[in-house]
């Protein structure tokens, strides 16, 4: 059993936050996050930057706004697919279909821009 003092210290450690800076698309973003989330946040930023490089090479797009939009849609679609296993209600299915259609349109637009 933990003493009350140990419980308070443990809670304070869990609740403590830190300020970090992450770089995404050559911009620095200051964030205040929980200590235990730092590794996850840094990994997320790295994943986004890796996707940016991949999409820039694939589509030779010049506008990072388009690239970031495509990445956001891709991550949203993946998130919807992974939520609650593969069980989706009809509203989520419609949203997923819409997101996939938007992603397809963005990809076509970027491909035309690179030709």
C-alpha atoms as a PDB file:
ATOM      1  CA  UNK A   1       0.000   0.000   0.000  1.00  0.00           C
ATOM      2  CA  UNK A   2       1.131   3.497  -0.766  1.00  0.00           C
ATOM      3  CA  UNK A   3       1.091   6.182   1.839  1.00  0.00           C
ATOM      4  CA  UNK A   4      -0.976   9.288   1.218  1.00  0.00           C
ATOM      5  CA  UNK A   5       2.212  11.247   0.471  1.00  0.00           C
ATOM      6  CA  UNK A   6       3.300   8.658  -2.109  1.00  0.00           C
ATOM      7  CA  UNK A   7      -0.153   8.728  -3.701  1.00  0.00           C
ATOM      8  CA  UNK A   8      -0.007  12.529  -3.957  1.00  0.00           C
ATOM      9  CA  UNK A   9       3.482  12.382  -5.493  1.00  0.00           C
ATOM     10  CA  UNK A  10       2.393   9.724  -7.989  1.00  0.00           C
ATOM     11  CA  UNK A  11      -0.664  11.760  -8.969  1.00  0.00           C
ATOM     12  CA  UNK A  12       1.441  14.916  -9.332  1.00  0.00           C
ATOM     13  CA  UNK A  13       3.839  13.049 -11.644  1.00  0.00           C
ATOM     14  CA  UNK A  14       0.962  11.766 -13.768  1.00  0.00           C
ATOM     15  CA  UNK A  15      -0.688  15.182 -13.936  1.00  0.00           C
ATOM     16  CA  UNK A  16       2.484  17.151 -14.601  1.00  0.00           C
ATOM     17  CA  UNK A  17       2.917  18.713 -17.995  1.00  0.00           C
ATOM     18  CA  UNK A  18       5.937  19.851 -19.938  1.00  0.00           C
ATOM     19  CA  UNK A  19       6.494  22.320 -22.731  1.00  0.00           C
ATOM     20  CA  UNK A  20       8.067  20.937 -25.872  1.00  0.00           C
ATOM     21  CA  UNK A  21       8.552  22.085 -29.436  1.00  0.00           C
ATOM     22  CA  UNK A  22       7.869  19.867 -32.420  1.00  0.00           C
ATOM     23  CA  UNK A  23       8.652  20.601 -36.036  1.00  0.00           C
ATOM     24  CA  UNK A  24       6.074  19.793 -38.695  1.00  0.00           C
ATOM     25  CA  UNK A  25       6.465  20.855 -42.323  1.00  0.00           C
ATOM     26  CA  UNK A  26       9.435  23.070 -41.470  1.00  0.00           C
ATOM     27  CA  UNK A  27       7.476  24.969 -38.813  1.00  0.00           C
ATOM     28  CA  UNK A  28       7.969  24.798 -35.073  1.00  0.00           C
ATOM     29  CA  UNK A  29       4.955  24.299 -32.824  1.00  0.00           C
ATOM     30  CA  UNK A  30       5.212  24.817 -29.056  1.00  0.00           C
ATOM     31  CA  UNK A  31       3.044  22.359 -27.132  1.00  0.00           C
ATOM     32  CA  UNK A  32       2.162  21.804 -23.500  1.00  0.00           C
ATOM     33  CA  UNK A  33       1.658  18.077 -22.983  1.00  0.00           C
ATOM     34  CA  UNK A  34       1.596  15.481 -20.232  1.00  0.00           C
ATOM     35  CA  UNK A  35       5.020  14.050 -19.489  1.00  0.00           C
ATOM     36  CA  UNK A  36       3.870  10.534 -20.368  1.00  0.00           C
ATOM     37  CA  UNK A  37       2.666  11.711 -23.803  1.00  0.00           C
ATOM     38  CA  UNK A  38       5.994  13.167 -24.961  1.00  0.00           C
ATOM     39  CA  UNK A  39       7.209  10.074 -26.792  1.00  0.00           C
ATOM     40  CA  UNK A  40       3.845   9.635 -28.531  1.00  0.00           C
ATOM     41  CA  UNK A  41       3.685  13.293 -29.607  1.00  0.00           C
ATOM     42  CA  UNK A  42       7.235  13.217 -30.974  1.00  0.00           C
ATOM     43  CA  UNK A  43       6.506   9.977 -32.826  1.00  0.00           C
ATOM     44  CA  UNK A  44       3.336  11.526 -34.290  1.00  0.00           C
ATOM     45  CA  UNK A  45       5.315  14.559 -35.513  1.00  0.00           C
ATOM     46  CA  UNK A  46       7.938  12.260 -37.060  1.00  0.00           C
ATOM     47  CA  UNK A  47       5.213  10.218 -38.756  1.00  0.00           C
ATOM     48  CA  UNK A  48       3.655  13.359 -40.223  1.00  0.00           C
ATOM     49  CA  UNK A  49       7.025  14.612 -41.481  1.00  0.00           C
ATOM     50  CA  UNK A  50       7.782  11.220 -43.031  1.00  0.00           C
ATOM     51  CA  UNK A  51       4.407  11.296 -44.817  1.00  0.00           C
ATOM     52  CA  UNK A  52       5.108  14.835 -46.044  1.00  0.00           C
ATOM     53  CA  UNK A  53       8.381  13.671 -47.605  1.00  0.00           C
ATOM     54  CA  UNK A  54       6.666  10.636 -49.128  1.00  0.00           C
ATOM     55  CA  UNK A  55       3.845  12.702 -50.652  1.00  0.00           C
ATOM     56  CA  UNK A  56       6.222  15.430 -51.875  1.00  0.00           C
ATOM     57  CA  UNK A  57       8.276  12.795 -53.678  1.00  0.00           C
ATOM     58  CA  UNK A  58       5.226  10.974 -55.020  1.00  0.00           C
ATOM     59  CA  UNK A  59       3.337  14.004 -56.313  1.00  0.00           C
ATOM     60  CA  UNK A  60       6.039  16.658 -56.666  1.00  0.00           C
ATOM     61  CA  UNK A  61       3.552  19.132 -55.214  1.00  0.00           C
ATOM     62  CA  UNK A  62       4.756  22.570 -54.290  1.00  0.00           C
ATOM     63  CA  UNK A  63       1.963  23.532 -51.914  1.00  0.00           C
ATOM     64  CA  UNK A  64       2.405  21.926 -48.510  1.00  0.00           C
ATOM     65  CA  UNK A  65      -1.185  22.846 -47.642  1.00  0.00           C
ATOM     66  CA  UNK A  66      -2.368  20.263 -50.199  1.00  0.00           C
ATOM     67  CA  UNK A  67       0.051  17.688 -48.840  1.00  0.00           C
ATOM     68  CA  UNK A  68      -1.070  18.318 -45.251  1.00  0.00           C
ATOM     69  CA  UNK A  69      -4.721  18.033 -46.320  1.00  0.00           C
ATOM     70  CA  UNK A  70      -4.029  14.671 -47.957  1.00  0.00           C
ATOM     71  CA  UNK A  71      -2.209  13.458 -44.853  1.00  0.00           C
ATOM     72  CA  UNK A  72      -5.056  14.609 -42.602  1.00  0.00           C
ATOM     73  CA  UNK A  73      -7.579  12.747 -44.731  1.00  0.00           C
ATOM     74  CA  UNK A  74      -5.417   9.615 -44.810  1.00  0.00           C
ATOM     75  CA  UNK A  75      -5.029   9.633 -41.026  1.00  0.00           C
ATOM     76  CA  UNK A  76      -8.754  10.328 -40.527  1.00  0.00           C
ATOM     77  CA  UNK A  77      -9.692   7.407 -42.772  1.00  0.00           C
ATOM     78  CA  UNK A  78      -7.249   5.120 -40.951  1.00  0.00           C
ATOM     79  CA  UNK A  79      -8.612   6.290 -37.601  1.00  0.00           C
ATOM     80  CA  UNK A  80     -12.210   5.617 -38.647  1.00  0.00           C
ATOM     81  CA  UNK A  81     -11.276   2.144 -39.903  1.00  0.00           C
ATOM     82  CA  UNK A  82      -9.478   1.311 -36.663  1.00  0.00           C
ATOM     83  CA  UNK A  83     -12.076   2.679 -34.227  1.00  0.00           C
ATOM     84  CA  UNK A  84     -13.995  -0.049 -32.452  1.00  0.00           C
ATOM     85  CA  UNK A  85     -12.446  -2.717 -34.630  1.00  0.00           C
ATOM     86  CA  UNK A  86     -14.061  -2.781 -38.036  1.00  0.00           C
ATOM     87  CA  UNK A  87     -17.598  -2.230 -36.768  1.00  0.00           C
ATOM     88  CA  UNK A  88     -18.910   1.040 -38.211  1.00  0.00           C
ATOM     89  CA  UNK A  89     -22.404   2.404 -38.044  1.00  0.00           C
ATOM     90  CA  UNK A  90     -24.031   3.812 -41.182  1.00  0.00           C
ATOM     91  CA  UNK A  91     -22.993   7.406 -40.390  1.00  0.00           C
ATOM     92  CA  UNK A  92     -19.337   6.424 -40.100  1.00  0.00           C
ATOM     93  CA  UNK A  93     -19.523   4.442 -43.340  1.00  0.00           C
ATOM     94  CA  UNK A  94     -20.861   7.517 -45.136  1.00  0.00           C
ATOM     95  CA  UNK A  95     -18.117   9.658 -43.590  1.00  0.00           C
ATOM     96  CA  UNK A  96     -15.466   7.141 -44.593  1.00  0.00           C
ATOM     97  CA  UNK A  97     -16.773   7.058 -48.167  1.00  0.00           C
ATOM     98  CA  UNK A  98     -16.745  10.856 -48.300  1.00  0.00           C
ATOM     99  CA  UNK A  99     -13.198  11.021 -46.956  1.00  0.00           C
ATOM    100  CA  UNK A 100     -12.014   8.451 -49.485  1.00  0.00           C
ATOM    101  CA  UNK A 101     -13.641  10.429 -52.289  1.00  0.00           C
ATOM    102  CA  UNK A 102     -11.976  13.651 -51.099  1.00  0.00           C
ATOM    103  CA  UNK A 103      -8.639  11.858 -50.857  1.00  0.00           C
ATOM    104  CA  UNK A 104      -9.034  10.579 -54.418  1.00  0.00           C
ATOM    105  CA  UNK A 105      -9.877  14.048 -55.720  1.00  0.00           C
ATOM    106  CA  UNK A 106      -6.871  15.569 -53.956  1.00  0.00           C
ATOM    107  CA  UNK A 107      -4.571  12.893 -55.372  1.00  0.00           C
ATOM    108  CA  UNK A 108      -5.896  13.509 -58.904  1.00  0.00           C
ATOM    109  CA  UNK A 109      -5.445  17.266 -58.484  1.00  0.00           C
ATOM    110  CA  UNK A 110      -1.876  16.825 -57.294  1.00  0.00           C
ATOM    111  CA  UNK A 111      -1.073  14.440 -60.115  1.00  0.00           C
ATOM    112  CA  UNK A 112      -2.351  16.983 -62.654  1.00  0.00           C
ATOM    113  CA  UNK A 113      -0.241  19.673 -60.996  1.00  0.00           C
ATOM    114  CA  UNK A 114       2.894  17.580 -61.420  1.00  0.00           C
ATOM    115  CA  UNK A 115       2.362  16.898 -65.133  1.00  0.00           C
END
